[in-house]
Every structure is written in structure tokens, then in C-alpha cells.
Amino acid sequence: MLELAFSVQDLTHTRFAFSPVWEAVASVRVLRQPGDHALHLPWVKETRARIGEAGFDIGLLSDLVSGSRLPGFLATTPMTPVPELADELAELRDAGLEQLADLVEVYWRLALEPHWSRIRALLEGDILYRSRLLVDGGADAFFNDLSPMVSWKNGTLTVAYPSVSNAGPLEGGGLVLVPSVFGWPRVFSKADSPRQPVLRYPSRGIATLWEQGGMATSGALAAVIGRTRAILLTELDAPASTTELARRTSLTAGGVSQHLGVLRAAGLVSAHRTGRSVLYSRTHAADGLMATSAQVDC
């Protein structure tokens, strides 16, 4: 069990980030042990075929993730909220790991780059959701929602690791919270580094990442606002971009944009720029409408 005691200063310095290199490293383990990561099986099938066609040997990368923990030197604490792949690979090269960095870069191009815009949108949506949760519910609601393995009580964050026993204060530096797609369902942490401690947790919405088609939509809601807009509100269970919503619903991006504009004007959807993307999310009014329509359907 890992216990991290927060001061007011630690809470002030706690921040979000995500890491392209970490996702690459974690995804190698998914390819190595697909049975432990059932949600990613569509990606596994497609990626194995692409790697095979390219004749790329991932043996060295696979050997590096064969233990119970992922090697921290392959993915250090992100220094910026949205680091670029090239920046993180430069850190490996600066550490004298030129050959390894080259392998990761080739692997990235084959395995993650074709899907990165979708993955990135999911990670950015998670951060947006949790930022809103922090504002609405404070530290209790925020930290206790990260993972079943993570809990918060009386200023202490506890991670229920079965084989770890460590407790202590963060000493004012705060924590970097990193949502992860390929780390699912585990929580990974690194608190013994000269850098700011990091906690990597499963991102929200992973179950929908590789799905085609949409979620079940309330008939009552569709009767009020129209079927297409009801579908979009249902899909916004987690924040998403216009492109992602178009992919999930098989609508055109232009059509999605028009409907989102109407929903936004009605106070049911809000838009937030995150990095290079604009993510849409349901408002509290929309959440109430969804809950009411679900009761009517029952």
C-alpha cells in the first residue's frame, strides 16, 4: 500500500499531463499479454498485422516490459502538460539510449500514430472531466474517482498496491496525474524520483475507444430534442471532439458541428479548447435531462 500525505502546497502544485512515450511502452505489454487487456483486442489484432507486414521486431521492447513493473527510465515524469513524442525521445537520447529511442520511434509510427488523435482526445477529455469534478466536488470527489485502487481521506492519498508498503509526505512538490489508455486497468506510480512524483491511472471512456457505432439512446430524450442530438448527448458521457463524435456516430463532421451548435445555444453542451483540440461536454442541465429521460424510459 502506498500512502502519500498532501499539504496545502502539494495540492497547489498537483497538475495533469500525459505522455506519448508512456503509452507506447505500456502498449507493448498489451501486445505481449492481450488476454489481460481485453478492451484493447481490436487494436491488438490490427497492430500485430501492421507490425508483421512491416517486418519490425519488437523483441527488445517486449523483453523490457516482461516484469511486474514497467521500467521508469523509459517514461519519466512529463515536464509539460502535453509533451510531444520528439521531446520525450530526446530525453532518452540524452541519457545515452539512442538505439532504444529509435526502436520506440519506429514502433510508435506503426502502433500508435494511426490512432493517436483518437487516443489524445480521450486523454484530454479525461482531464477536462476531472478538472470539472475538482471544481464541483473538491478533493474528495476528485481523488476518489480516479480508480478503485485509489482513495482519499483526511489529506492522504492511498493506492492499494498488494506488494508495496510505503508512506510519507509529498514534501511540497505535489503530484503529476497522468491518465493512461494502455495502462488500464492498473495504477502506476513513481514517488522515488528526483522529479515530481507521478501517478498514472486508467483514463475514462476506454471501453468506447475502439468501438464502432453508438450507445443506446433514450427514446424520451429523442422525442424532445431529436434523435441525432439525443445520440450526441448520449455519446458525451465523456468529453469528445467533433471528429471523435463523427467517428462514433457515422455522422459527418459538419453535421455533428451543426447539432453541437444548437445544443450549445440551448445550454446543454459546453466547448473547451484543450491543446489543439476543442472538446465538447454535457452541462449540468444536460445531465439532469439525461437522468429524467432515463427514468421515463423505465
Protein backbone atom coordinates (compact mmCIF):
# COMPACT_ATOMS: atom_id res chain seq x y z
CA MET A 1 0.00 0.00 0.00
CA LEU A 2 1.30 3.44 -0.97
CA GLU A 3 0.26 6.42 1.16
CA LEU A 4 1.06 9.99 0.13
CA ALA A 5 0.28 12.80 2.60
CA PHE A 6 -0.64 16.12 0.97
CA SER A 7 -0.06 19.58 2.34
CA VAL A 8 -1.89 22.64 1.03
CA GLN A 9 1.23 23.38 -1.03
CA ASP A 10 1.14 19.88 -2.53
CA LEU A 11 -2.46 20.37 -3.63
CA THR A 12 -1.49 23.70 -5.20
CA HIS A 13 1.32 22.09 -7.20
CA THR A 14 -0.59 19.00 -8.31
CA ARG A 15 -1.10 19.02 -12.08
CA PHE A 16 -2.19 16.93 -15.08
CA ALA A 17 -0.13 15.71 -18.01
CA PHE A 18 0.01 12.81 -20.42
CA SER A 19 2.87 11.03 -22.10
CA PRO A 20 3.18 9.61 -25.64
CA VAL A 21 6.23 7.51 -24.74
CA TRP A 22 4.50 6.06 -21.69
CA GLU A 23 1.55 4.99 -23.86
CA ALA A 24 3.97 3.36 -26.30
CA VAL A 25 5.76 1.45 -23.53
CA ALA A 26 2.52 0.37 -21.87
CA SER A 27 1.03 -0.72 -25.20
CA VAL A 28 3.92 -3.14 -25.78
CA ARG A 29 2.79 -5.01 -22.68
CA VAL A 30 -0.74 -5.13 -24.11
CA LEU A 31 0.65 -6.81 -27.24
CA ARG A 32 2.64 -9.19 -25.06
CA GLN A 33 -0.30 -10.12 -22.79
CA PRO A 34 -3.51 -9.34 -24.71
CA GLY A 35 -5.60 -11.62 -22.52
CA ASP A 36 -5.09 -9.22 -19.61
CA HIS A 37 -6.30 -6.26 -21.64
CA ALA A 38 -9.49 -7.42 -23.32
CA LEU A 39 -10.72 -3.90 -24.11
CA HIS A 40 -7.79 -3.42 -26.46
CA LEU A 41 -8.20 -6.61 -28.50
CA PRO A 42 -9.36 -4.79 -31.68
CA TRP A 43 -6.21 -2.67 -31.52
CA VAL A 44 -4.05 -5.75 -30.81
CA LYS A 45 -5.33 -7.56 -33.90
CA GLU A 46 -4.80 -4.58 -36.20
CA THR A 47 -1.40 -3.65 -34.76
CA ARG A 48 0.04 -7.15 -34.87
CA ALA A 49 -0.87 -7.32 -38.54
CA ARG A 50 0.72 -3.94 -39.27
CA ILE A 51 3.93 -4.81 -37.39
CA GLY A 52 4.12 -8.15 -39.18
CA GLU A 53 3.69 -6.56 -42.60
CA ALA A 54 6.49 -4.09 -41.78
CA GLY A 55 8.78 -6.87 -40.57
CA PHE A 56 9.53 -4.91 -37.39
CA ASP A 57 10.97 -6.89 -34.47
CA ILE A 58 9.63 -5.71 -31.09
CA GLY A 59 11.61 -8.36 -29.19
CA LEU A 60 13.79 -5.90 -27.26
CA LEU A 61 10.85 -3.70 -26.29
CA SER A 62 8.85 -6.77 -25.28
CA ASP A 63 11.69 -8.01 -23.07
CA LEU A 64 11.85 -4.64 -21.30
CA VAL A 65 8.21 -4.85 -20.17
CA SER A 66 8.26 -8.51 -19.17
CA GLY A 67 8.42 -7.86 -15.41
CA SER A 68 5.67 -6.91 -12.98
CA ARG A 69 6.58 -3.22 -13.30
CA LEU A 70 7.18 -1.04 -16.31
CA PRO A 71 10.69 0.46 -16.43
CA GLY A 72 10.59 4.04 -15.19
CA PHE A 73 13.60 5.12 -17.25
CA LEU A 74 11.53 4.58 -20.40
CA ALA A 75 8.94 7.13 -19.35
CA THR A 76 9.95 9.74 -16.82
CA THR A 77 7.60 12.29 -15.28
CA PRO A 78 6.23 14.59 -18.03
CA MET A 79 7.71 18.07 -17.67
CA THR A 80 4.90 19.78 -19.59
CA PRO A 81 1.15 19.06 -19.69
CA VAL A 82 1.21 17.87 -23.31
CA PRO A 83 4.72 16.75 -24.27
CA GLU A 84 5.44 15.85 -27.87
CA LEU A 85 6.85 12.45 -28.78
CA ALA A 86 10.06 14.02 -30.10
CA ASP A 87 10.69 15.80 -26.79
CA GLU A 88 10.34 12.61 -24.76
CA LEU A 89 12.51 10.64 -27.18
CA ALA A 90 15.14 13.37 -26.90
CA GLU A 91 15.31 12.67 -23.17
CA LEU A 92 16.10 9.02 -23.89
CA ARG A 93 18.79 10.02 -26.35
CA ASP A 94 20.28 12.50 -23.86
CA ALA A 95 20.50 9.62 -21.39
CA GLY A 96 22.56 7.62 -23.91
CA LEU A 97 19.71 5.36 -25.02
CA GLU A 98 19.88 6.24 -28.71
CA GLN A 99 19.13 2.76 -30.05
CA LEU A 100 16.21 2.31 -27.70
CA ALA A 101 14.77 5.69 -28.64
CA ASP A 102 14.98 4.74 -32.33
CA LEU A 103 13.11 1.49 -31.63
CA VAL A 104 10.38 3.30 -29.71
CA GLU A 105 10.03 5.83 -32.53
CA VAL A 106 9.58 3.15 -35.21
CA TYR A 107 7.17 1.23 -33.00
CA TRP A 108 5.18 4.42 -32.38
CA ARG A 109 4.77 5.05 -36.10
CA LEU A 110 3.37 1.56 -36.62
CA ALA A 111 1.32 1.02 -33.48
CA LEU A 112 0.14 4.35 -32.06
CA GLU A 113 0.41 7.11 -34.64
CA PRO A 114 -2.58 5.84 -36.71
CA HIS A 115 -4.76 6.13 -33.59
CA TRP A 116 -3.10 8.97 -31.70
CA SER A 117 -5.66 11.68 -32.47
CA ARG A 118 -8.37 9.44 -31.02
CA ILE A 119 -6.26 8.45 -28.00
CA ARG A 120 -5.21 12.04 -27.38
CA ALA A 121 -8.82 13.23 -27.49
CA LEU A 122 -9.76 10.59 -24.92
CA LEU A 123 -6.92 11.65 -22.58
CA GLU A 124 -7.75 15.33 -22.96
CA GLY A 125 -11.41 14.54 -22.31
CA ASP A 126 -10.48 12.72 -19.10
CA ILE A 127 -8.51 15.74 -17.87
CA LEU A 128 -11.37 18.08 -18.71
CA TYR A 129 -13.86 15.86 -16.87
CA ARG A 130 -11.69 15.62 -13.77
CA SER A 131 -10.98 19.34 -13.72
CA ARG A 132 -14.73 19.90 -13.62
CA LEU A 133 -15.10 17.26 -10.92
CA LEU A 134 -12.49 19.03 -8.79
CA VAL A 135 -14.33 22.33 -9.11
CA ASP A 136 -17.73 20.79 -8.34
CA GLY A 137 -16.82 18.29 -5.63
CA GLY A 138 -13.41 19.22 -4.23
CA ALA A 139 -10.51 16.89 -3.44
CA ASP A 140 -12.73 14.11 -2.02
CA ALA A 141 -14.77 13.69 -5.19
CA PHE A 142 -11.75 14.24 -7.41
CA PHE A 143 -9.28 11.74 -5.97
CA ASN A 144 -11.83 9.07 -5.05
CA ASP A 145 -12.94 8.91 -8.70
CA LEU A 146 -9.52 8.10 -10.16
CA SER A 147 -9.61 4.32 -9.76
CA PRO A 148 -10.98 1.64 -7.40
CA MET A 149 -7.36 1.25 -6.29
CA VAL A 150 -7.10 4.90 -5.23
CA SER A 151 -8.74 6.53 -2.21
CA TRP A 152 -8.51 9.88 -0.45
CA LYS A 153 -9.14 10.57 3.22
CA ASN A 154 -8.02 13.33 5.57
CA GLY A 155 -5.42 14.69 3.15
CA THR A 156 -3.81 11.34 2.35
CA LEU A 157 -3.92 9.59 -1.00
CA THR A 158 -3.79 5.80 -0.73
CA VAL A 159 -3.04 3.40 -3.58
CA ALA A 160 -3.91 -0.21 -2.74
CA TYR A 161 -0.86 -1.99 -4.09
CA PRO A 162 -0.76 -5.58 -2.77
CA SER A 163 3.04 -5.81 -2.64
CA VAL A 164 4.08 -2.25 -1.79
CA SER A 165 4.39 -0.73 1.67
CA ASN A 166 5.42 2.90 1.63
CA ALA A 167 4.10 6.01 3.35
CA GLY A 168 5.27 9.58 3.63
CA PRO A 169 4.63 13.23 2.76
CA LEU A 170 4.99 14.65 -0.72
CA GLU A 171 7.14 17.45 0.73
CA GLY A 172 5.51 20.32 -1.12
CA GLY A 173 6.17 19.26 -4.70
CA GLY A 174 2.69 18.00 -5.44
CA LEU A 175 1.80 15.15 -7.78
CA VAL A 176 1.59 14.74 -11.54
CA LEU A 177 -1.60 12.90 -12.52
CA VAL A 178 -1.32 11.11 -15.87
CA PRO A 179 -4.37 9.45 -17.46
CA SER A 180 -3.40 6.38 -19.46
CA VAL A 181 -5.11 4.29 -22.12
CA PHE A 182 -2.78 1.32 -22.29
CA GLY A 183 -2.02 1.22 -18.57
CA TRP A 184 -5.62 0.09 -17.94
CA PRO A 185 -6.74 -1.39 -15.58
CA ARG A 186 -3.72 -0.81 -13.34
CA VAL A 187 -2.42 2.23 -11.50
CA PHE A 188 1.30 3.01 -11.76
CA SER A 189 3.25 5.40 -9.57
CA LYS A 190 6.77 6.70 -9.19
CA ALA A 191 7.47 8.53 -5.95
CA ASP A 192 11.21 7.89 -5.51
CA SER A 193 12.48 10.05 -8.35
CA PRO A 194 14.32 13.40 -8.21
CA ARG A 195 11.47 14.67 -10.34
CA GLN A 196 7.94 15.42 -9.25
CA PRO A 197 6.14 12.20 -8.18
CA VAL A 198 3.75 10.79 -10.76
CA LEU A 199 0.57 8.70 -10.61
CA ARG A 200 -0.70 7.09 -13.81
CA TYR A 201 -4.34 5.97 -13.71
CA PRO A 202 -6.82 4.50 -16.25
CA SER A 203 -8.50 7.12 -18.39
CA ARG A 204 -12.27 7.33 -18.54
CA GLY A 205 -14.03 6.10 -21.68
CA ILE A 206 -11.55 3.37 -22.65
CA ALA A 207 -14.41 0.93 -23.25
CA THR A 208 -15.60 3.09 -26.16
CA LEU A 209 -12.16 3.75 -27.67
CA TRP A 210 -12.20 1.01 -30.32
CA GLU A 211 -15.97 0.69 -30.70
CA GLN A 212 -17.82 1.45 -33.92
CA GLY A 213 -21.44 2.55 -33.71
CA GLY A 214 -23.12 4.32 -30.83
CA MET A 215 -24.50 3.91 -27.35
CA ALA A 216 -28.16 3.18 -26.63
CA THR A 217 -30.18 6.41 -26.76
CA SER A 218 -33.21 7.33 -24.68
CA GLY A 219 -36.43 7.31 -26.65
CA ALA A 220 -37.91 10.00 -24.40
CA LEU A 221 -34.90 12.25 -24.95
CA ALA A 222 -35.04 11.72 -28.73
CA ALA A 223 -38.72 12.72 -28.72
CA VAL A 224 -37.83 16.06 -27.09
CA ILE A 225 -34.66 17.17 -28.89
CA GLY A 226 -34.50 14.87 -31.91
CA ARG A 227 -32.76 11.53 -32.42
CA THR A 228 -29.42 12.87 -33.71
CA ARG A 229 -28.99 15.38 -30.89
CA ALA A 230 -30.01 12.75 -28.36
CA ILE A 231 -27.32 10.44 -29.77
CA LEU A 232 -24.70 13.17 -29.44
CA LEU A 233 -25.66 13.96 -25.84
CA THR A 234 -25.51 10.25 -25.01
CA GLU A 235 -22.06 9.95 -26.56
CA LEU A 236 -20.87 12.91 -24.47
CA ASP A 237 -20.81 10.79 -21.34
CA ALA A 238 -17.14 11.81 -21.55
CA PRO A 239 -15.87 14.95 -23.34
CA ALA A 240 -15.13 14.40 -27.03
CA SER A 241 -14.14 16.29 -30.15
CA THR A 242 -16.24 16.78 -33.28
CA THR A 243 -14.04 14.32 -35.16
CA GLU A 244 -14.40 11.64 -32.49
CA LEU A 245 -18.17 12.08 -32.32
CA ALA A 246 -18.39 11.79 -36.10
CA ARG A 247 -16.40 8.56 -36.00
CA ARG A 248 -18.60 7.02 -33.32
CA THR A 249 -21.94 8.03 -34.81
CA SER A 250 -21.15 7.75 -38.56
CA LEU A 251 -22.35 11.34 -39.00
CA THR A 252 -20.36 13.88 -41.00
CA ALA A 253 -18.11 16.22 -39.03
CA GLY A 254 -20.08 19.16 -40.44
CA GLY A 255 -23.37 17.65 -39.30
CA VAL A 256 -22.01 16.98 -35.83
CA SER A 257 -20.75 20.56 -35.62
CA GLN A 258 -24.16 21.98 -36.57
CA HIS A 259 -26.02 19.90 -34.00
CA LEU A 260 -23.47 20.73 -31.30
CA GLY A 261 -24.00 24.41 -32.08
CA VAL A 262 -27.74 24.03 -31.43
CA LEU A 263 -27.13 22.06 -28.22
CA ARG A 264 -24.62 24.67 -27.06
CA ALA A 265 -27.07 27.51 -27.72
CA ALA A 266 -29.65 25.61 -25.64
CA GLY A 267 -27.23 25.36 -22.71
CA LEU A 268 -26.87 21.58 -22.98
CA VAL A 269 -23.29 21.45 -24.25
CA SER A 270 -20.15 23.46 -23.47
CA ALA A 271 -16.94 23.73 -25.51
CA HIS A 272 -13.41 23.84 -24.12
CA ARG A 273 -10.15 24.25 -26.01
CA THR A 274 -7.53 21.75 -24.82
CA GLY A 275 -4.21 21.99 -26.64
CA ARG A 276 -5.01 21.83 -30.34
CA SER A 277 -8.47 20.34 -29.86
CA VAL A 278 -11.90 21.65 -28.94
CA LEU A 279 -13.71 19.21 -26.67
CA TYR A 280 -17.43 19.25 -26.05
CA SER A 281 -19.04 18.12 -22.81
CA ARG A 282 -22.51 17.94 -21.35
CA THR A 283 -23.56 20.68 -18.96
CA HIS A 284 -25.27 20.08 -15.62
CA ALA A 285 -28.58 20.91 -17.31
CA ALA A 286 -27.95 18.16 -19.88
CA ASP A 287 -27.02 15.67 -17.16
CA GLY A 288 -30.34 16.40 -15.45
CA LEU A 289 -32.22 15.99 -18.72
CA MET A 290 -30.48 12.66 -19.37
CA ALA A 291 -31.36 11.39 -15.89
CA THR A 292 -35.01 12.41 -16.24
CA SER A 293 -35.38 10.84 -19.68
CA ALA A 294 -33.83 7.60 -18.43
CA GLN A 295 -36.49 7.43 -15.68
CA VAL A 296 -39.23 7.97 -18.26
CA ASP A 297 -37.86 5.14 -20.40
CA CYS A 298 -38.01 2.81 -17.41
